[in-house]
Amino acid sequence: MAGGRTVEQKQELAADLTREVVRILDVKPEWITVIIDEHPRNNLLAIIPAAANGFNII
């Protein structure tokens, strides 16, 4: 994702992702690893939602 988020925002994101993976996949929280890969905004040439590219979440 584009950089610039606060540590608190990234912590909240990781906590929410973990909680939902545990709920949906019925796994233990300690089995979950969240990796946030940040890039400078000027390195992101096109940000297009997946749905606009024909990708559907089933």
PDB file of N, CA and C in Angstrom:
ATOM      1  N   MET A   1       0.839  -1.163   0.000  1.00  0.00           N
ATOM      2  CA  MET A   1       0.000   0.000   0.000  1.00  0.00           C
ATOM      3  C   MET A   1       0.889   1.231   0.000  1.00  0.00           C
ATOM      4  N   ALA A   2       0.285   2.364  -0.296  1.00  0.00           N
ATOM      5  CA  ALA A   2       1.034   3.610  -0.261  1.00  0.00           C
ATOM      6  C   ALA A   2       1.458   3.916   1.164  1.00  0.00           C
ATOM      7  N   GLY A   3       2.651   4.426   1.322  1.00  0.00           N
ATOM      8  CA  GLY A   3       3.153   4.763   2.643  1.00  0.00           C
ATOM      9  C   GLY A   3       2.442   5.971   3.224  1.00  0.00           C
ATOM     10  N   GLY A   4       2.776   6.278   4.454  1.00  0.00           N
ATOM     11  CA  GLY A   4       2.230   7.465   5.089  1.00  0.00           C
ATOM     12  C   GLY A   4       1.218   7.188   6.178  1.00  0.00           C
ATOM     13  N   ARG A   5       0.886   5.927   6.408  1.00  0.00           N
ATOM     14  CA  ARG A   5      -0.053   5.599   7.481  1.00  0.00           C
ATOM     15  C   ARG A   5       0.690   5.611   8.807  1.00  0.00           C
ATOM     16  N   THR A   6      -0.030   5.908   9.872  1.00  0.00           N
ATOM     17  CA  THR A   6       0.588   5.927  11.196  1.00  0.00           C
ATOM     18  C   THR A   6       0.764   4.503  11.710  1.00  0.00           C
ATOM     19  N   VAL A   7       1.625   4.359  12.698  1.00  0.00           N
ATOM     20  CA  VAL A   7       1.811   3.056  13.337  1.00  0.00           C
ATOM     21  C   VAL A   7       0.486   2.572  13.906  1.00  0.00           C
ATOM     22  N   GLU A   8      -0.277   3.488  14.491  1.00  0.00           N
ATOM     23  CA  GLU A   8      -1.568   3.118  15.078  1.00  0.00           C
ATOM     24  C   GLU A   8      -2.526   2.593  14.012  1.00  0.00           C
ATOM     25  N   GLN A   9      -2.549   3.205  12.845  1.00  0.00           N
ATOM     26  CA  GLN A   9      -3.414   2.739  11.760  1.00  0.00           C
ATOM     27  C   GLN A   9      -2.999   1.343  11.303  1.00  0.00           C
ATOM     28  N   LYS A  10      -1.702   1.119  11.193  1.00  0.00           N
ATOM     29  CA  LYS A  10      -1.218  -0.196  10.766  1.00  0.00           C
ATOM     30  C   LYS A  10      -1.497  -1.252  11.826  1.00  0.00           C
ATOM     31  N   GLN A  11      -1.383  -0.886  13.098  1.00  0.00           N
ATOM     32  CA  GLN A  11      -1.707  -1.826  14.170  1.00  0.00           C
ATOM     33  C   GLN A  11      -3.186  -2.184  14.143  1.00  0.00           C
ATOM     34  N   GLU A  12      -4.045  -1.193  13.927  1.00  0.00           N
ATOM     35  CA  GLU A  12      -5.484  -1.450  13.860  1.00  0.00           C
ATOM     36  C   GLU A  12      -5.821  -2.335  12.660  1.00  0.00           C
ATOM     37  N   LEU A  13      -5.196  -2.061  11.527  1.00  0.00           N
ATOM     38  CA  LEU A  13      -5.406  -2.877  10.335  1.00  0.00           C
ATOM     39  C   LEU A  13      -5.001  -4.324  10.593  1.00  0.00           C
ATOM     40  N   ALA A  14      -3.824  -4.530  11.174  1.00  0.00           N
ATOM     41  CA  ALA A  14      -3.342  -5.880  11.465  1.00  0.00           C
ATOM     42  C   ALA A  14      -4.267  -6.596  12.440  1.00  0.00           C
ATOM     43  N   ALA A  15      -4.744  -5.893  13.459  1.00  0.00           N
ATOM     44  CA  ALA A  15      -5.652  -6.500  14.438  1.00  0.00           C
ATOM     45  C   ALA A  15      -6.964  -6.900  13.778  1.00  0.00           C
ATOM     46  N   ASP A  16      -7.525  -6.022  12.944  1.00  0.00           N
ATOM     47  CA  ASP A  16      -8.789  -6.329  12.273  1.00  0.00           C
ATOM     48  C   ASP A  16      -8.629  -7.471  11.278  1.00  0.00           C
ATOM     49  N   LEU A  17      -7.547  -7.462  10.507  1.00  0.00           N
ATOM     50  CA  LEU A  17      -7.296  -8.559   9.570  1.00  0.00           C
ATOM     51  C   LEU A  17      -7.163  -9.884  10.304  1.00  0.00           C
ATOM     52  N   THR A  18      -6.414  -9.873  11.388  1.00  0.00           N
ATOM     53  CA  THR A  18      -6.226 -11.095  12.173  1.00  0.00           C
ATOM     54  C   THR A  18      -7.551 -11.602  12.705  1.00  0.00           C
ATOM     55  N   ARG A  19      -8.343 -10.720  13.277  1.00  0.00           N
ATOM     56  CA  ARG A  19      -9.639 -11.098  13.843  1.00  0.00           C
ATOM     57  C   ARG A  19     -10.540 -11.733  12.775  1.00  0.00           C
ATOM     58  N   GLU A  20     -10.575 -11.151  11.591  1.00  0.00           N
ATOM     59  CA  GLU A  20     -11.440 -11.669  10.533  1.00  0.00           C
ATOM     60  C   GLU A  20     -10.926 -12.987   9.960  1.00  0.00           C
ATOM     61  N   VAL A  21      -9.614 -13.135   9.811  1.00  0.00           N
ATOM     62  CA  VAL A  21      -9.062 -14.405   9.333  1.00  0.00           C
ATOM     63  C   VAL A  21      -9.368 -15.515  10.332  1.00  0.00           C
ATOM     64  N   VAL A  22      -9.219 -15.224  11.605  1.00  0.00           N
ATOM     65  CA  VAL A  22      -9.533 -16.206  12.655  1.00  0.00           C
ATOM     66  C   VAL A  22     -11.004 -16.597  12.570  1.00  0.00           C
ATOM     67  N   ARG A  23     -11.879 -15.622  12.426  1.00  0.00           N
ATOM     68  CA  ARG A  23     -13.320 -15.883  12.374  1.00  0.00           C
ATOM     69  C   ARG A  23     -13.704 -16.678  11.128  1.00  0.00           C
ATOM     70  N   ILE A  24     -13.209 -16.264   9.983  1.00  0.00           N
ATOM     71  CA  ILE A  24     -13.626 -16.871   8.721  1.00  0.00           C
ATOM     72  C   ILE A  24     -12.988 -18.235   8.498  1.00  0.00           C
ATOM     73  N   LEU A  25     -11.709 -18.365   8.819  1.00  0.00           N
ATOM     74  CA  LEU A  25     -10.986 -19.610   8.540  1.00  0.00           C
ATOM     75  C   LEU A  25     -10.894 -20.547   9.730  1.00  0.00           C
ATOM     76  N   ASP A  26     -11.391 -20.093  10.887  1.00  0.00           N
ATOM     77  CA  ASP A  26     -11.379 -20.902  12.105  1.00  0.00           C
ATOM     78  C   ASP A  26      -9.966 -21.405  12.415  1.00  0.00           C
ATOM     79  N   VAL A  27      -9.036 -20.451  12.498  1.00  0.00           N
ATOM     80  CA  VAL A  27      -7.654 -20.768  12.848  1.00  0.00           C
ATOM     81  C   VAL A  27      -7.275 -19.986  14.095  1.00  0.00           C
ATOM     82  N   LYS A  28      -6.150 -20.334  14.674  1.00  0.00           N
ATOM     83  CA  LYS A  28      -5.681 -19.649  15.879  1.00  0.00           C
ATOM     84  C   LYS A  28      -4.997 -18.336  15.501  1.00  0.00           C
ATOM     85  N   PRO A  29      -5.192 -17.296  16.311  1.00  0.00           N
ATOM     86  CA  PRO A  29      -4.569 -16.002  16.003  1.00  0.00           C
ATOM     87  C   PRO A  29      -3.049 -16.081  15.886  1.00  0.00           C
ATOM     88  N   GLU A  30      -2.442 -16.951  16.658  1.00  0.00           N
ATOM     89  CA  GLU A  30      -0.974 -17.047  16.611  1.00  0.00           C
ATOM     90  C   GLU A  30      -0.478 -17.646  15.296  1.00  0.00           C
ATOM     91  N   TRP A  31      -1.371 -18.178  14.494  1.00  0.00           N
ATOM     92  CA  TRP A  31      -0.994 -18.713  13.184  1.00  0.00           C
ATOM     93  C   TRP A  31      -0.964 -17.624  12.109  1.00  0.00           C
ATOM     94  N   ILE A  32      -1.422 -16.435  12.453  1.00  0.00           N
ATOM     95  CA  ILE A  32      -1.571 -15.361  11.474  1.00  0.00           C
ATOM     96  C   ILE A  32      -0.366 -14.422  11.537  1.00  0.00           C
ATOM     97  N   THR A  33       0.165 -14.108  10.368  1.00  0.00           N
ATOM     98  CA  THR A  33       1.207 -13.098  10.239  1.00  0.00           C
ATOM     99  C   THR A  33       0.723 -12.066   9.231  1.00  0.00           C
ATOM    100  N   VAL A  34       0.729 -10.819   9.622  1.00  0.00           N
ATOM    101  CA  VAL A  34       0.332  -9.736   8.719  1.00  0.00           C
ATOM    102  C   VAL A  34       1.595  -8.983   8.325  1.00  0.00           C
ATOM    103  N   ILE A  35       1.820  -8.887   7.032  1.00  0.00           N
ATOM    104  CA  ILE A  35       2.969  -8.151   6.506  1.00  0.00           C
ATOM    105  C   ILE A  35       2.432  -6.958   5.726  1.00  0.00           C
ATOM    106  N   ILE A  36       2.844  -5.778   6.111  1.00  0.00           N
ATOM    107  CA  ILE A  36       2.424  -4.562   5.425  1.00  0.00           C
ATOM    108  C   ILE A  36       3.594  -4.083   4.578  1.00  0.00           C
ATOM    109  N   ASP A  37       3.374  -4.058   3.284  1.00  0.00           N
ATOM    110  CA  ASP A  37       4.405  -3.665   2.328  1.00  0.00           C
ATOM    111  C   ASP A  37       4.071  -2.263   1.831  1.00  0.00           C
ATOM    112  N   GLU A  38       4.867  -1.289   2.225  1.00  0.00           N
ATOM    113  CA  GLU A  38       4.598   0.103   1.878  1.00  0.00           C
ATOM    114  C   GLU A  38       5.523   0.578   0.763  1.00  0.00           C
ATOM    115  N   HIS A  39       4.984   1.441  -0.069  1.00  0.00           N
ATOM    116  CA  HIS A  39       5.748   2.026  -1.166  1.00  0.00           C
ATOM    117  C   HIS A  39       5.471   3.523  -1.211  1.00  0.00           C
ATOM    118  N   PRO A  40       6.457   4.322  -1.605  1.00  0.00           N
ATOM    119  CA  PRO A  40       6.209   5.754  -1.756  1.00  0.00           C
ATOM    120  C   PRO A  40       5.089   5.982  -2.778  1.00  0.00           C
ATOM    121  N   ARG A  41       4.244   6.955  -2.488  1.00  0.00           N
ATOM    122  CA  ARG A  41       3.106   7.229  -3.378  1.00  0.00           C
ATOM    123  C   ARG A  41       3.551   7.528  -4.811  1.00  0.00           C
ATOM    124  N   ASN A  42       4.698   8.160  -4.975  1.00  0.00           N
ATOM    125  CA  ASN A  42       5.136   8.494  -6.334  1.00  0.00           C
ATOM    126  C   ASN A  42       5.591   7.262  -7.115  1.00  0.00           C
ATOM    127  N   ASN A  43       5.716   6.106  -6.452  1.00  0.00           N
ATOM    128  CA  ASN A  43       6.057   4.864  -7.141  1.00  0.00           C
ATOM    129  C   ASN A  43       4.818   4.084  -7.559  1.00  0.00           C
ATOM    130  N   LEU A  44       3.647   4.534  -7.140  1.00  0.00           N
ATOM    131  CA  LEU A  44       2.402   3.868  -7.511  1.00  0.00           C
ATOM    132  C   LEU A  44       1.823   4.620  -8.703  1.00  0.00           C
ATOM    133  N   LEU A  45       1.959   4.041  -9.876  1.00  0.00           N
ATOM    134  CA  LEU A  45       1.574   4.739 -11.099  1.00  0.00           C
ATOM    135  C   LEU A  45       0.081   4.687 -11.362  1.00  0.00           C
ATOM    136  N   ALA A  46      -0.558   3.594 -11.000  1.00  0.00           N
ATOM    137  CA  ALA A  46      -1.998   3.468 -11.242  1.00  0.00           C
ATOM    138  C   ALA A  46      -2.619   2.708 -10.088  1.00  0.00           C
ATOM    139  N   ILE A  47      -3.597   3.333  -9.481  1.00  0.00           N
ATOM    140  CA  ILE A  47      -4.330   2.668  -8.412  1.00  0.00           C
ATOM    141  C   ILE A  47      -5.761   2.522  -8.911  1.00  0.00           C
ATOM    142  N   ILE A  48      -6.104   1.304  -9.332  1.00  0.00           N
ATOM    143  CA  ILE A  48      -7.421   1.043  -9.895  1.00  0.00           C
ATOM    144  C   ILE A  48      -8.062  -0.076  -9.083  1.00  0.00           C
ATOM    145  N   PRO A  49      -9.268   0.145  -8.570  1.00  0.00           N
ATOM    146  CA  PRO A  49      -9.932  -0.915  -7.797  1.00  0.00           C
ATOM    147  C   PRO A  49     -10.039  -2.202  -8.612  1.00  0.00           C
ATOM    148  N   ALA A  50      -9.901  -3.329  -7.942  1.00  0.00           N
ATOM    149  CA  ALA A  50      -9.951  -4.630  -8.607  1.00  0.00           C
ATOM    150  C   ALA A  50     -11.247  -4.805  -9.390  1.00  0.00           C
ATOM    151  N   ALA A  51     -12.356  -4.336  -8.854  1.00  0.00           N
ATOM    152  CA  ALA A  51     -13.642  -4.491  -9.534  1.00  0.00           C
ATOM    153  C   ALA A  51     -13.640  -3.785 -10.891  1.00  0.00           C
ATOM    154  N   ALA A  52     -12.917  -2.684 -11.001  1.00  0.00           N
ATOM    155  CA  ALA A  52     -12.851  -1.954 -12.266  1.00  0.00           C
ATOM    156  C   ALA A  52     -12.085  -2.735 -13.320  1.00  0.00           C
ATOM    157  N   ASN A  53     -11.266  -3.683 -12.890  1.00  0.00           N
ATOM    158  CA  ASN A  53     -10.496  -4.515 -13.811  1.00  0.00           C
ATOM    159  C   ASN A  53     -11.172  -5.848 -14.088  1.00  0.00           C
ATOM    160  N   GLY A  54     -12.406  -6.014 -13.622  1.00  0.00           N
ATOM    161  CA  GLY A  54     -13.137  -7.243 -13.893  1.00  0.00           C
ATOM    162  C   GLY A  54     -12.898  -8.354 -12.896  1.00  0.00           C
ATOM    163  N   PHE A  55     -12.203  -8.076 -11.796  1.00  0.00           N
ATOM    164  CA  PHE A  55     -11.982  -9.094 -10.781  1.00  0.00           C
ATOM    165  C   PHE A  55     -13.158  -9.082  -9.816  1.00  0.00           C
ATOM    166  N   ASN A  56     -13.720 -10.222  -9.576  1.00  0.00           N
ATOM    167  CA  ASN A  56     -14.848 -10.330  -8.660  1.00  0.00           C
ATOM    168  C   ASN A  56     -14.457 -11.160  -7.453  1.00  0.00           C
ATOM    169  N   ILE A  57     -14.923 -10.738  -6.294  1.00  0.00           N
ATOM    170  CA  ILE A  57     -14.714 -11.512  -5.075  1.00  0.00           C
ATOM    171  C   ILE A  57     -15.921 -12.408  -4.906  1.00  0.00           C
ATOM    172  N   ILE A  58     -15.681 -13.693  -4.864  1.00  0.00           N
ATOM    173  CA  ILE A  58     -16.780 -14.662  -4.741  1.00  0.00           C
ATOM    174  C   ILE A  58     -16.910 -15.104  -3.304  1.00  0.00           C
TER     175      ILE A  58
END
